[in-house]
Amino acid sequence: MIDIIGAGGIGSYLIPCLVKSEKDICIWDGDSFEEKNLSRQIFNSSDLERNKADALAEMYGVKSEPKYFKISDSLKGSLAFVCVDNDATRMDLLDYADEENICLIIGGNETYASSAMMYMPEWKDTPLDPRVIYPNYADRAGRDPRKPPCNTLESIQENPQLPLANMMAAAMMLKIYEYYSITYPTLADEYKYCAPHTFYASKAGVRTVTIGGRSGAEG
């Protein structure tokens, strides 16, 4: 089974594509769908005030956990898509992945930029660990998951490309999933350094950083 943590901006774009190839999915989210979400998330207006995880699970025929993930919870599978926009949950999921030996695909976005990153427990405390790449994760980890910084109508009006950034993050997360499901298992050990670790998208284009640290860009 695959867990999807977060059914908001990124998650609501990712799920419709993922269910075309995977049906054994569980969606986690403790938030409810509000009218302000209509402009940036994929829901039906009839779902207003419903829990997001339940609404999407019913729409696509998958399972749901209508609550915010906590480190004391138990995920259903060995891979989780991390679609949340707060560092507290990202930190909890990284610690959970290390403890339970599962892999994560972590998505994120800012006003004009998006990213998607692979994480395996064997990368803990290495340059491939998000906690090493972004040491301020821990400094920002007290954020309330019910109060994400970019889910308001005001932020969309100020940053009109935000929905596109969410869509791009979801697409790059799916690309990482495809690569590590199909191509990575066939690679000889000496070639695994070429595998993508992170995709970054900005107004300048898309950049890939590999496990070996090499960076390439498409304009």
N, C-alpha and C. Protein backbone atom coordinates (compact mmCIF):
# COMPACT_ATOMS: atom_id res chain seq x y z
N MET A 1 0.84 -1.20 0.00
CA MET A 1 0.00 0.00 0.00
C MET A 1 0.87 1.25 0.00
N ILE A 2 0.35 2.31 -0.59
CA ILE A 2 1.03 3.61 -0.63
C ILE A 2 0.25 4.59 0.23
N ASP A 3 0.94 5.31 1.09
CA ASP A 3 0.31 6.36 1.89
C ASP A 3 0.55 7.71 1.26
N ILE A 4 -0.47 8.55 1.26
CA ILE A 4 -0.35 9.93 0.81
C ILE A 4 -0.68 10.81 2.00
N ILE A 5 0.31 11.56 2.47
CA ILE A 5 0.14 12.40 3.65
C ILE A 5 -0.10 13.83 3.19
N GLY A 6 -1.34 14.27 3.31
CA GLY A 6 -1.71 15.61 2.86
C GLY A 6 -2.55 15.55 1.59
N ALA A 7 -3.78 16.04 1.66
CA ALA A 7 -4.69 15.99 0.51
C ALA A 7 -5.08 17.38 0.06
N GLY A 8 -4.20 18.35 0.27
CA GLY A 8 -4.48 19.73 -0.10
C GLY A 8 -3.94 20.08 -1.47
N GLY A 9 -3.16 21.18 -1.55
CA GLY A 9 -2.70 21.70 -2.82
C GLY A 9 -1.96 20.69 -3.67
N ILE A 10 -0.90 20.09 -3.14
CA ILE A 10 -0.11 19.12 -3.90
C ILE A 10 -0.84 17.79 -3.99
N GLY A 11 -1.35 17.31 -2.86
CA GLY A 11 -1.97 16.00 -2.83
C GLY A 11 -3.17 15.86 -3.74
N SER A 12 -3.98 16.91 -3.83
CA SER A 12 -5.19 16.81 -4.65
C SER A 12 -4.88 16.77 -6.14
N TYR A 13 -3.68 17.21 -6.55
CA TYR A 13 -3.24 17.07 -7.94
C TYR A 13 -2.57 15.72 -8.17
N LEU A 14 -1.88 15.22 -7.16
CA LEU A 14 -1.13 13.97 -7.29
C LEU A 14 -2.07 12.76 -7.36
N ILE A 15 -3.08 12.73 -6.52
CA ILE A 15 -3.93 11.55 -6.37
C ILE A 15 -4.63 11.15 -7.67
N PRO A 16 -5.25 12.07 -8.43
CA PRO A 16 -5.95 11.64 -9.66
C PRO A 16 -5.04 10.93 -10.65
N CYS A 17 -3.77 11.30 -10.70
CA CYS A 17 -2.82 10.63 -11.61
C CYS A 17 -2.35 9.30 -11.03
N LEU A 18 -2.05 9.28 -9.75
CA LEU A 18 -1.52 8.06 -9.13
C LEU A 18 -2.53 6.92 -9.18
N VAL A 19 -3.81 7.23 -9.00
CA VAL A 19 -4.81 6.15 -8.95
C VAL A 19 -5.01 5.48 -10.31
N LYS A 20 -4.49 6.07 -11.36
CA LYS A 20 -4.60 5.42 -12.66
C LYS A 20 -3.73 4.18 -12.74
N SER A 21 -2.68 4.11 -11.91
CA SER A 21 -1.81 2.93 -11.91
C SER A 21 -1.78 2.20 -10.57
N GLU A 22 -2.21 2.87 -9.50
CA GLU A 22 -2.19 2.27 -8.17
C GLU A 22 -3.55 2.46 -7.51
N LYS A 23 -4.11 1.40 -6.98
CA LYS A 23 -5.39 1.49 -6.28
C LYS A 23 -5.26 1.24 -4.78
N ASP A 24 -4.14 0.64 -4.37
CA ASP A 24 -3.94 0.32 -2.96
C ASP A 24 -3.31 1.53 -2.27
N ILE A 25 -4.14 2.51 -1.97
CA ILE A 25 -3.69 3.82 -1.50
C ILE A 25 -4.48 4.21 -0.26
N CYS A 26 -3.80 4.87 0.69
CA CYS A 26 -4.49 5.45 1.84
C CYS A 26 -4.12 6.93 1.95
N ILE A 27 -5.11 7.79 2.01
CA ILE A 27 -4.92 9.24 2.08
C ILE A 27 -5.10 9.70 3.52
N TRP A 28 -4.15 10.51 3.99
CA TRP A 28 -4.20 11.05 5.35
C TRP A 28 -4.37 12.57 5.31
N ASP A 29 -5.34 13.08 6.03
CA ASP A 29 -5.47 14.53 6.20
C ASP A 29 -6.55 14.81 7.25
N GLY A 30 -6.26 15.73 8.14
CA GLY A 30 -7.22 16.08 9.18
C GLY A 30 -8.00 17.33 8.87
N ASP A 31 -7.76 17.93 7.71
CA ASP A 31 -8.38 19.20 7.36
C ASP A 31 -9.69 18.98 6.60
N SER A 32 -10.54 19.99 6.61
CA SER A 32 -11.80 19.95 5.87
C SER A 32 -11.73 20.88 4.67
N PHE A 33 -12.50 20.55 3.65
CA PHE A 33 -12.52 21.33 2.42
C PHE A 33 -13.36 22.59 2.63
N GLU A 34 -12.77 23.75 2.28
CA GLU A 34 -13.44 25.03 2.46
C GLU A 34 -13.58 25.73 1.11
N GLU A 35 -14.45 26.71 1.06
CA GLU A 35 -14.70 27.42 -0.20
C GLU A 35 -13.44 28.06 -0.76
N LYS A 36 -12.56 28.54 0.12
CA LYS A 36 -11.33 29.18 -0.34
C LYS A 36 -10.41 28.21 -1.07
N ASN A 37 -10.62 26.90 -0.89
CA ASN A 37 -9.78 25.91 -1.56
C ASN A 37 -10.17 25.67 -3.02
N LEU A 38 -11.36 26.13 -3.41
CA LEU A 38 -11.87 25.83 -4.75
C LEU A 38 -10.94 26.31 -5.86
N SER A 39 -10.21 27.40 -5.62
CA SER A 39 -9.39 27.98 -6.68
C SER A 39 -8.03 27.29 -6.83
N ARG A 40 -7.68 26.38 -5.91
CA ARG A 40 -6.33 25.80 -6.01
C ARG A 40 -6.27 24.32 -5.72
N GLN A 41 -7.37 23.68 -5.40
CA GLN A 41 -7.36 22.26 -5.09
C GLN A 41 -8.46 21.56 -5.87
N ILE A 42 -8.27 20.26 -6.12
CA ILE A 42 -9.20 19.51 -6.96
C ILE A 42 -10.23 18.81 -6.08
N PHE A 43 -11.34 19.48 -5.87
CA PHE A 43 -12.48 18.94 -5.15
C PHE A 43 -13.76 19.37 -5.85
N ASN A 44 -14.85 18.72 -5.51
CA ASN A 44 -16.16 19.14 -5.99
C ASN A 44 -16.78 20.10 -4.97
N SER A 45 -17.54 21.06 -5.45
CA SER A 45 -18.18 22.01 -4.53
C SER A 45 -19.12 21.30 -3.56
N SER A 46 -19.61 20.12 -3.93
CA SER A 46 -20.48 19.35 -3.03
C SER A 46 -19.73 18.80 -1.83
N ASP A 47 -18.38 18.86 -1.88
CA ASP A 47 -17.57 18.35 -0.78
C ASP A 47 -17.27 19.39 0.29
N LEU A 48 -17.82 20.59 0.15
CA LEU A 48 -17.56 21.64 1.13
C LEU A 48 -17.87 21.16 2.54
N GLU A 49 -16.93 21.45 3.44
CA GLU A 49 -17.00 21.11 4.86
C GLU A 49 -16.74 19.63 5.15
N ARG A 50 -16.50 18.83 4.13
CA ARG A 50 -16.13 17.43 4.34
C ARG A 50 -14.63 17.33 4.60
N ASN A 51 -14.22 16.27 5.28
CA ASN A 51 -12.80 16.00 5.45
C ASN A 51 -12.18 15.73 4.08
N LYS A 52 -11.00 16.32 3.83
CA LYS A 52 -10.36 16.19 2.52
C LYS A 52 -9.99 14.75 2.18
N ALA A 53 -9.44 14.03 3.16
CA ALA A 53 -9.04 12.65 2.90
C ALA A 53 -10.25 11.79 2.55
N ASP A 54 -11.32 11.95 3.31
CA ASP A 54 -12.53 11.17 3.04
C ASP A 54 -13.12 11.51 1.68
N ALA A 55 -13.16 12.81 1.34
CA ALA A 55 -13.76 13.24 0.07
C ALA A 55 -12.99 12.67 -1.12
N LEU A 56 -11.65 12.77 -1.09
CA LEU A 56 -10.86 12.26 -2.21
C LEU A 56 -10.88 10.73 -2.26
N ALA A 57 -10.86 10.10 -1.09
CA ALA A 57 -10.90 8.63 -1.06
C ALA A 57 -12.20 8.11 -1.69
N GLU A 58 -13.31 8.76 -1.38
CA GLU A 58 -14.58 8.36 -1.97
C GLU A 58 -14.60 8.63 -3.48
N MET A 59 -14.02 9.76 -3.87
CA MET A 59 -14.01 10.14 -5.29
C MET A 59 -13.23 9.13 -6.13
N TYR A 60 -12.11 8.61 -5.58
CA TYR A 60 -11.23 7.76 -6.37
C TYR A 60 -11.20 6.30 -5.92
N GLY A 61 -12.04 5.94 -4.97
CA GLY A 61 -12.16 4.54 -4.59
C GLY A 61 -10.97 3.98 -3.84
N VAL A 62 -10.38 4.79 -2.95
CA VAL A 62 -9.24 4.34 -2.15
C VAL A 62 -9.58 4.52 -0.67
N LYS A 63 -8.62 4.23 0.21
CA LYS A 63 -8.85 4.30 1.65
C LYS A 63 -8.47 5.68 2.19
N SER A 64 -8.92 5.97 3.40
CA SER A 64 -8.60 7.26 4.01
C SER A 64 -8.37 7.12 5.51
N GLU A 65 -7.58 8.04 6.03
CA GLU A 65 -7.40 8.25 7.47
C GLU A 65 -7.67 9.73 7.70
N PRO A 66 -8.86 10.10 8.15
CA PRO A 66 -9.23 11.52 8.26
C PRO A 66 -8.63 12.20 9.48
N LYS A 67 -7.31 12.27 9.52
CA LYS A 67 -6.62 12.90 10.64
C LYS A 67 -5.24 13.32 10.19
N TYR A 68 -4.63 14.24 10.96
CA TYR A 68 -3.24 14.63 10.72
C TYR A 68 -2.32 13.52 11.19
N PHE A 69 -1.29 13.23 10.41
CA PHE A 69 -0.33 12.20 10.81
C PHE A 69 0.47 12.66 12.03
N LYS A 70 0.63 11.74 12.96
CA LYS A 70 1.51 11.93 14.11
C LYS A 70 2.49 10.77 14.15
N ILE A 71 3.67 10.99 14.72
CA ILE A 71 4.70 9.97 14.70
C ILE A 71 4.28 8.71 15.44
N SER A 72 3.28 8.82 16.30
CA SER A 72 2.77 7.63 17.01
C SER A 72 1.83 6.80 16.15
N ASP A 73 1.44 7.32 14.97
CA ASP A 73 0.56 6.58 14.06
C ASP A 73 1.36 5.51 13.31
N SER A 74 0.63 4.61 12.66
CA SER A 74 1.25 3.58 11.84
C SER A 74 0.76 3.73 10.41
N LEU A 75 1.70 3.95 9.51
CA LEU A 75 1.35 4.01 8.09
C LEU A 75 1.02 2.61 7.58
N LYS A 76 0.38 2.57 6.42
CA LYS A 76 -0.13 1.30 5.90
C LYS A 76 0.88 0.56 5.01
N GLY A 77 1.81 1.30 4.40
CA GLY A 77 2.70 0.67 3.42
C GLY A 77 4.16 0.99 3.64
N SER A 78 4.97 0.72 2.60
CA SER A 78 6.42 0.92 2.67
C SER A 78 6.87 2.14 1.89
N LEU A 79 5.92 2.93 1.39
CA LEU A 79 6.24 4.17 0.68
C LEU A 79 5.18 5.21 1.02
N ALA A 80 5.63 6.44 1.26
CA ALA A 80 4.69 7.53 1.53
C ALA A 80 5.04 8.73 0.68
N PHE A 81 4.01 9.33 0.07
CA PHE A 81 4.15 10.62 -0.59
C PHE A 81 3.86 11.69 0.45
N VAL A 82 4.82 12.57 0.67
CA VAL A 82 4.69 13.61 1.70
C VAL A 82 4.26 14.90 1.00
N CYS A 83 2.98 15.24 1.12
CA CYS A 83 2.40 16.39 0.42
C CYS A 83 1.99 17.49 1.38
N VAL A 84 2.52 17.47 2.58
CA VAL A 84 2.18 18.49 3.58
C VAL A 84 3.02 19.74 3.36
N ASP A 85 2.58 20.86 3.95
CA ASP A 85 3.33 22.10 3.81
C ASP A 85 3.77 22.63 5.17
N ASN A 86 4.07 21.72 6.09
CA ASN A 86 4.63 22.16 7.36
C ASN A 86 5.78 21.24 7.76
N ASP A 87 6.81 21.83 8.34
CA ASP A 87 8.03 21.10 8.63
C ASP A 87 7.90 20.17 9.82
N ALA A 88 6.95 20.44 10.72
CA ALA A 88 6.76 19.54 11.86
C ALA A 88 6.40 18.14 11.37
N THR A 89 5.48 18.05 10.43
CA THR A 89 5.08 16.74 9.92
C THR A 89 6.17 16.12 9.07
N ARG A 90 6.88 16.93 8.30
CA ARG A 90 8.00 16.39 7.53
C ARG A 90 9.04 15.76 8.45
N MET A 91 9.37 16.45 9.54
CA MET A 91 10.34 15.93 10.50
C MET A 91 9.83 14.62 11.10
N ASP A 92 8.55 14.58 11.50
CA ASP A 92 7.99 13.36 12.07
C ASP A 92 8.05 12.20 11.07
N LEU A 93 7.75 12.49 9.81
CA LEU A 93 7.77 11.44 8.80
C LEU A 93 9.18 10.95 8.50
N LEU A 94 10.16 11.83 8.51
CA LEU A 94 11.54 11.40 8.34
C LEU A 94 11.97 10.50 9.49
N ASP A 95 11.63 10.87 10.71
CA ASP A 95 11.96 10.02 11.85
C ASP A 95 11.23 8.68 11.77
N TYR A 96 9.97 8.72 11.35
CA TYR A 96 9.19 7.49 11.20
C TYR A 96 9.80 6.59 10.12
N ALA A 97 10.20 7.19 9.01
CA ALA A 97 10.80 6.41 7.92
C ALA A 97 12.07 5.71 8.39
N ASP A 98 12.88 6.41 9.17
CA ASP A 98 14.11 5.80 9.70
C ASP A 98 13.79 4.63 10.61
N GLU A 99 12.78 4.81 11.46
CA GLU A 99 12.43 3.78 12.45
C GLU A 99 11.78 2.56 11.80
N GLU A 100 10.92 2.81 10.80
CA GLU A 100 10.14 1.73 10.20
C GLU A 100 10.70 1.25 8.86
N ASN A 101 11.79 1.86 8.42
CA ASN A 101 12.47 1.46 7.18
C ASN A 101 11.54 1.56 5.96
N ILE A 102 10.96 2.74 5.79
CA ILE A 102 10.15 2.99 4.60
C ILE A 102 10.76 4.15 3.82
N CYS A 103 10.35 4.29 2.57
CA CYS A 103 10.85 5.36 1.72
C CYS A 103 9.81 6.49 1.64
N LEU A 104 10.32 7.70 1.41
CA LEU A 104 9.47 8.88 1.27
C LEU A 104 9.74 9.58 -0.06
N ILE A 105 8.70 10.15 -0.63
CA ILE A 105 8.85 11.10 -1.73
C ILE A 105 8.25 12.41 -1.22
N ILE A 106 9.07 13.42 -1.09
CA ILE A 106 8.70 14.65 -0.40
C ILE A 106 8.51 15.77 -1.40
N GLY A 107 7.33 16.37 -1.41
CA GLY A 107 7.05 17.48 -2.30
C GLY A 107 6.98 18.79 -1.54
N GLY A 108 7.26 19.87 -2.24
CA GLY A 108 7.17 21.20 -1.64
C GLY A 108 7.04 22.26 -2.70
N ASN A 109 6.62 23.44 -2.28
CA ASN A 109 6.52 24.55 -3.22
C ASN A 109 6.61 25.88 -2.49
N GLU A 110 7.05 26.86 -3.25
CA GLU A 110 7.01 28.25 -2.82
C GLU A 110 6.20 29.00 -3.87
N THR A 111 6.34 30.32 -3.92
CA THR A 111 5.49 31.09 -4.81
C THR A 111 5.62 30.67 -6.27
N TYR A 112 6.84 30.61 -6.78
CA TYR A 112 7.07 30.28 -8.18
C TYR A 112 7.85 28.99 -8.36
N ALA A 113 8.19 28.32 -7.28
CA ALA A 113 9.08 27.17 -7.36
C ALA A 113 8.44 25.93 -6.75
N SER A 114 8.88 24.77 -7.24
CA SER A 114 8.41 23.49 -6.74
C SER A 114 9.60 22.56 -6.60
N SER A 115 9.44 21.54 -5.75
CA SER A 115 10.50 20.54 -5.62
C SER A 115 9.90 19.19 -5.30
N ALA A 116 10.66 18.15 -5.60
CA ALA A 116 10.31 16.78 -5.24
C ALA A 116 11.60 16.04 -4.93
N MET A 117 11.60 15.30 -3.83
CA MET A 117 12.84 14.68 -3.34
C MET A 117 12.57 13.25 -2.89
N MET A 118 13.50 12.36 -3.22
CA MET A 118 13.45 10.97 -2.75
C MET A 118 14.21 10.86 -1.44
N TYR A 119 13.69 10.02 -0.53
CA TYR A 119 14.43 9.73 0.71
C TYR A 119 14.34 8.25 1.04
N MET A 120 15.52 7.66 1.31
CA MET A 120 15.63 6.29 1.79
C MET A 120 16.30 6.30 3.15
N PRO A 121 15.89 5.42 4.07
CA PRO A 121 16.48 5.43 5.41
C PRO A 121 17.98 5.29 5.45
N GLU A 122 18.56 4.60 4.48
CA GLU A 122 20.03 4.45 4.48
C GLU A 122 20.75 5.76 4.20
N TRP A 123 20.00 6.78 3.80
CA TRP A 123 20.61 8.09 3.55
C TRP A 123 20.62 8.99 4.78
N LYS A 124 20.16 8.50 5.91
CA LYS A 124 20.12 9.31 7.12
C LYS A 124 21.51 9.86 7.46
N ASP A 125 21.55 11.15 7.79
CA ASP A 125 22.77 11.86 8.21
C ASP A 125 23.82 11.96 7.11
N THR A 126 23.41 11.74 5.86
CA THR A 126 24.30 11.92 4.72
C THR A 126 23.88 13.19 3.98
N PRO A 127 24.65 13.61 2.98
CA PRO A 127 24.23 14.78 2.18
C PRO A 127 22.92 14.59 1.43
N LEU A 128 22.35 13.37 1.43
CA LEU A 128 21.07 13.11 0.78
C LEU A 128 19.89 13.23 1.74
N ASP A 129 20.17 13.47 3.00
CA ASP A 129 19.14 13.59 4.04
C ASP A 129 18.58 15.01 4.03
N PRO A 130 17.25 15.19 3.88
CA PRO A 130 16.69 16.55 3.89
C PRO A 130 17.03 17.34 5.14
N ARG A 131 17.24 16.66 6.26
CA ARG A 131 17.59 17.36 7.50
C ARG A 131 19.01 17.91 7.46
N VAL A 132 19.83 17.35 6.59
CA VAL A 132 21.18 17.87 6.36
C VAL A 132 21.13 18.98 5.31
N ILE A 133 20.33 18.77 4.26
CA ILE A 133 20.21 19.76 3.19
C ILE A 133 19.55 21.03 3.71
N TYR A 134 18.52 20.86 4.54
CA TYR A 134 17.75 21.98 5.09
C TYR A 134 17.81 21.94 6.62
N PRO A 135 18.90 22.37 7.21
CA PRO A 135 19.04 22.27 8.67
C PRO A 135 18.02 23.09 9.45
N ASN A 136 17.33 24.03 8.79
CA ASN A 136 16.32 24.82 9.50
C ASN A 136 14.99 24.08 9.61
N TYR A 137 14.90 22.85 9.08
CA TYR A 137 13.71 22.03 9.29
C TYR A 137 13.35 22.01 10.78
N ALA A 138 14.34 21.71 11.60
CA ALA A 138 14.07 21.56 13.04
C ALA A 138 13.65 22.89 13.66
N ASP A 139 14.20 24.00 13.17
CA ASP A 139 13.86 25.32 13.72
C ASP A 139 12.41 25.68 13.46
N ARG A 140 11.84 25.17 12.35
CA ARG A 140 10.49 25.53 11.95
C ARG A 140 9.48 24.45 12.28
N ALA A 141 9.91 23.43 13.02
CA ALA A 141 9.08 22.25 13.20
C ALA A 141 7.92 22.44 14.16
N GLY A 142 7.79 23.61 14.78
CA GLY A 142 6.68 23.81 15.69
C GLY A 142 5.42 24.31 15.03
N ARG A 143 5.41 24.44 13.71
CA ARG A 143 4.25 25.00 13.01
C ARG A 143 3.04 24.09 13.14
N ASP A 144 1.90 24.68 13.38
CA ASP A 144 0.65 23.96 13.53
C ASP A 144 0.20 23.46 12.15
N PRO A 145 0.02 22.14 11.95
CA PRO A 145 -0.39 21.65 10.63
C PRO A 145 -1.75 22.13 10.20
N ARG A 146 -2.55 22.64 11.14
CA ARG A 146 -3.87 23.17 10.79
C ARG A 146 -3.79 24.60 10.28
N LYS A 147 -2.57 25.20 10.35
CA LYS A 147 -2.40 26.59 9.92
C LYS A 147 -1.24 26.71 8.93
N PRO A 148 -1.33 26.04 7.77
CA PRO A 148 -0.26 26.11 6.79
C PRO A 148 -0.14 27.51 6.22
N PRO A 149 1.05 27.91 5.75
CA PRO A 149 1.28 29.29 5.36
C PRO A 149 0.75 29.70 4.01
N CYS A 150 0.31 28.76 3.18
CA CYS A 150 -0.04 29.16 1.81
C CYS A 150 -1.39 28.62 1.37
N ASN A 151 -2.30 28.41 2.29
CA ASN A 151 -3.60 27.86 1.92
C ASN A 151 -4.72 28.89 1.91
N THR A 152 -4.39 30.16 1.93
CA THR A 152 -5.43 31.17 2.01
C THR A 152 -5.69 31.81 0.65
N LEU A 153 -6.91 32.33 0.48
CA LEU A 153 -7.25 33.01 -0.76
C LEU A 153 -6.35 34.22 -0.97
N GLU A 154 -5.97 34.89 0.12
CA GLU A 154 -5.09 36.05 0.02
C GLU A 154 -3.75 35.67 -0.61
N SER A 155 -3.20 34.52 -0.20
CA SER A 155 -1.91 34.11 -0.75
C SER A 155 -2.02 33.79 -2.23
N ILE A 156 -3.18 33.26 -2.67
CA ILE A 156 -3.37 32.96 -4.08
C ILE A 156 -3.47 34.24 -4.89
N GLN A 157 -4.16 35.22 -4.36
CA GLN A 157 -4.29 36.49 -5.06
C GLN A 157 -2.95 37.19 -5.18
N GLU A 158 -2.12 37.09 -4.13
CA GLU A 158 -0.79 37.71 -4.17
C GLU A 158 0.17 36.90 -5.02
N ASN A 159 -0.01 35.58 -5.09
CA ASN A 159 0.90 34.68 -5.78
C ASN A 159 0.10 33.82 -6.75
N PRO A 160 -0.30 34.36 -7.89
CA PRO A 160 -1.24 33.66 -8.76
C PRO A 160 -0.70 32.38 -9.35
N GLN A 161 0.60 32.13 -9.31
CA GLN A 161 1.14 30.90 -9.87
C GLN A 161 1.18 29.76 -8.86
N LEU A 162 0.70 30.00 -7.66
CA LEU A 162 0.76 28.96 -6.64
C LEU A 162 0.07 27.67 -7.05
N PRO A 163 -1.15 27.68 -7.64
CA PRO A 163 -1.74 26.41 -8.09
C PRO A 163 -0.87 25.68 -9.09
N LEU A 164 -0.22 26.41 -10.00
CA LEU A 164 0.67 25.79 -10.96
C LEU A 164 1.88 25.17 -10.26
N ALA A 165 2.38 25.81 -9.22
CA ALA A 165 3.51 25.26 -8.46
C ALA A 165 3.11 23.95 -7.80
N ASN A 166 1.88 23.87 -7.28
CA ASN A 166 1.40 22.63 -6.68
C ASN A 166 1.31 21.52 -7.72
N MET A 167 0.79 21.86 -8.89
CA MET A 167 0.67 20.87 -9.96
C MET A 167 2.04 20.36 -10.39
N MET A 168 3.01 21.27 -10.48
CA MET A 168 4.36 20.88 -10.89
C MET A 168 5.01 19.99 -9.84
N ALA A 169 4.83 20.31 -8.56
CA ALA A 169 5.38 19.47 -7.50
C ALA A 169 4.81 18.06 -7.58
N ALA A 170 3.50 17.97 -7.80
CA ALA A 170 2.87 16.65 -7.92
C ALA A 170 3.44 15.87 -9.10
N ALA A 171 3.62 16.53 -10.24
CA ALA A 171 4.15 15.87 -11.43
C ALA A 171 5.57 15.35 -11.19
N MET A 172 6.40 16.14 -10.52
CA MET A 172 7.77 15.72 -10.26
C MET A 172 7.82 14.58 -9.24
N MET A 173 6.93 14.60 -8.26
CA MET A 173 6.86 13.49 -7.31
C MET A 173 6.49 12.19 -8.03
N LEU A 174 5.56 12.27 -8.97
CA LEU A 174 5.16 11.09 -9.74
C LEU A 174 6.30 10.60 -10.63
N LYS A 175 7.10 11.52 -11.14
CA LYS A 175 8.25 11.13 -11.96
C LYS A 175 9.27 10.38 -11.11
N ILE A 176 9.52 10.85 -9.89
CA ILE A 176 10.43 10.14 -9.00
C ILE A 176 9.88 8.75 -8.68
N TYR A 177 8.59 8.67 -8.42
CA TYR A 177 7.97 7.38 -8.12
C TYR A 177 8.16 6.41 -9.30
N GLU A 178 7.90 6.89 -10.50
CA GLU A 178 8.06 6.05 -11.68
C GLU A 178 9.50 5.57 -11.81
N TYR A 179 10.46 6.48 -11.60
CA TYR A 179 11.87 6.11 -11.77
C TYR A 179 12.28 5.05 -10.76
N TYR A 180 11.93 5.27 -9.51
CA TYR A 180 12.38 4.34 -8.47
C TYR A 180 11.58 3.04 -8.46
N SER A 181 10.44 3.02 -9.11
CA SER A 181 9.66 1.78 -9.23
C SER A 181 10.13 0.93 -10.39
N ILE A 182 10.55 1.57 -11.48
CA ILE A 182 10.84 0.84 -12.71
C ILE A 182 12.34 0.78 -13.02
N THR A 183 13.00 1.93 -13.03
CA THR A 183 14.39 2.00 -13.49
C THR A 183 15.40 1.68 -12.41
N TYR A 184 15.24 2.27 -11.24
CA TYR A 184 16.25 2.13 -10.18
C TYR A 184 16.55 0.67 -9.82
N PRO A 185 15.54 -0.20 -9.70
CA PRO A 185 15.84 -1.59 -9.34
C PRO A 185 16.70 -2.32 -10.36
N THR A 186 16.74 -1.82 -11.59
CA THR A 186 17.51 -2.50 -12.65
C THR A 186 18.95 -1.98 -12.74
N LEU A 187 19.27 -0.90 -12.02
CA LEU A 187 20.59 -0.30 -12.13
C LEU A 187 21.64 -1.11 -11.36
N ALA A 188 22.79 -1.30 -11.98
CA ALA A 188 23.93 -1.86 -11.26
C ALA A 188 24.39 -0.84 -10.22
N ASP A 189 24.97 -1.29 -9.14
CA ASP A 189 25.36 -0.41 -8.05
C ASP A 189 26.25 0.74 -8.51
N GLU A 190 27.12 0.46 -9.49
CA GLU A 190 28.06 1.49 -9.93
C GLU A 190 27.38 2.61 -10.71
N TYR A 191 26.12 2.42 -11.10
CA TYR A 191 25.41 3.45 -11.85
C TYR A 191 24.33 4.16 -11.03
N LYS A 192 24.12 3.74 -9.79
CA LYS A 192 23.04 4.32 -9.01
C LYS A 192 23.29 5.78 -8.64
N TYR A 193 24.56 6.20 -8.72
CA TYR A 193 24.85 7.61 -8.43
C TYR A 193 24.21 8.54 -9.46
N CYS A 194 23.81 7.99 -10.60
CA CYS A 194 23.17 8.79 -11.65
C CYS A 194 21.68 8.98 -11.42
N ALA A 195 21.11 8.26 -10.46
CA ALA A 195 19.67 8.33 -10.23
C ALA A 195 19.28 9.70 -9.68
N PRO A 196 18.11 10.20 -10.03
CA PRO A 196 17.69 11.51 -9.52
C PRO A 196 17.38 11.46 -8.03
N HIS A 197 17.85 12.46 -7.32
CA HIS A 197 17.53 12.61 -5.90
C HIS A 197 16.47 13.69 -5.72
N THR A 198 16.64 14.82 -6.44
CA THR A 198 15.72 15.95 -6.30
C THR A 198 15.46 16.59 -7.66
N PHE A 199 14.21 16.96 -7.88
CA PHE A 199 13.84 17.82 -9.00
C PHE A 199 13.45 19.18 -8.44
N TYR A 200 13.97 20.24 -9.08
CA TYR A 200 13.59 21.60 -8.74
C TYR A 200 13.00 22.26 -9.98
N ALA A 201 11.89 22.95 -9.83
CA ALA A 201 11.30 23.72 -10.94
C ALA A 201 11.12 25.16 -10.50
N SER A 202 11.52 26.09 -11.35
CA SER A 202 11.37 27.52 -11.07
C SER A 202 11.07 28.22 -12.37
N LYS A 203 11.00 29.55 -12.31
CA LYS A 203 10.77 30.32 -13.54
C LYS A 203 11.90 30.14 -14.54
N ALA A 204 13.08 29.71 -14.06
CA ALA A 204 14.23 29.52 -14.94
C ALA A 204 14.22 28.18 -15.65
N GLY A 205 13.41 27.23 -15.18
CA GLY A 205 13.37 25.91 -15.79
C GLY A 205 13.37 24.82 -14.74
N VAL A 206 13.74 23.61 -15.15
CA VAL A 206 13.75 22.45 -14.26
C VAL A 206 15.19 21.97 -14.10
N ARG A 207 15.55 21.67 -12.85
CA ARG A 207 16.91 21.21 -12.54
C ARG A 207 16.82 19.89 -11.79
N THR A 208 17.70 18.95 -12.15
CA THR A 208 17.77 17.65 -11.49
C THR A 208 19.09 17.53 -10.74
N VAL A 209 19.03 17.08 -9.50
CA VAL A 209 20.22 16.76 -8.72
C VAL A 209 20.23 15.26 -8.48
N THR A 210 21.32 14.60 -8.83
CA THR A 210 21.40 13.15 -8.72
C THR A 210 21.92 12.73 -7.35
N ILE A 211 21.83 11.43 -7.09
CA ILE A 211 22.37 10.87 -5.85
C ILE A 211 23.83 11.20 -5.71
N GLY A 212 24.54 11.22 -6.83
CA GLY A 212 25.96 11.54 -6.80
C GLY A 212 26.27 13.01 -6.68
N GLY A 213 25.24 13.84 -6.64
CA GLY A 213 25.43 15.27 -6.45
C GLY A 213 25.55 16.07 -7.72
N ARG A 214 25.49 15.42 -8.87
CA ARG A 214 25.58 16.15 -10.14
C ARG A 214 24.27 16.86 -10.42
N SER A 215 24.38 18.01 -11.06
CA SER A 215 23.19 18.84 -11.34
C SER A 215 23.12 19.12 -12.82
N GLY A 216 21.89 18.98 -13.34
CA GLY A 216 21.66 19.30 -14.74
C GLY A 216 20.38 20.10 -14.87
N ALA A 217 20.29 20.94 -15.89
CA ALA A 217 19.13 21.82 -16.04
C ALA A 217 18.56 21.73 -17.43
N GLU A 218 17.24 21.95 -17.47
CA GLU A 218 16.55 22.09 -18.75
C GLU A 218 15.95 23.48 -18.78
N GLY A 219 16.26 24.24 -19.78
CA GLY A 219 15.72 25.58 -19.87
C GLY A 219 14.33 25.61 -20.45
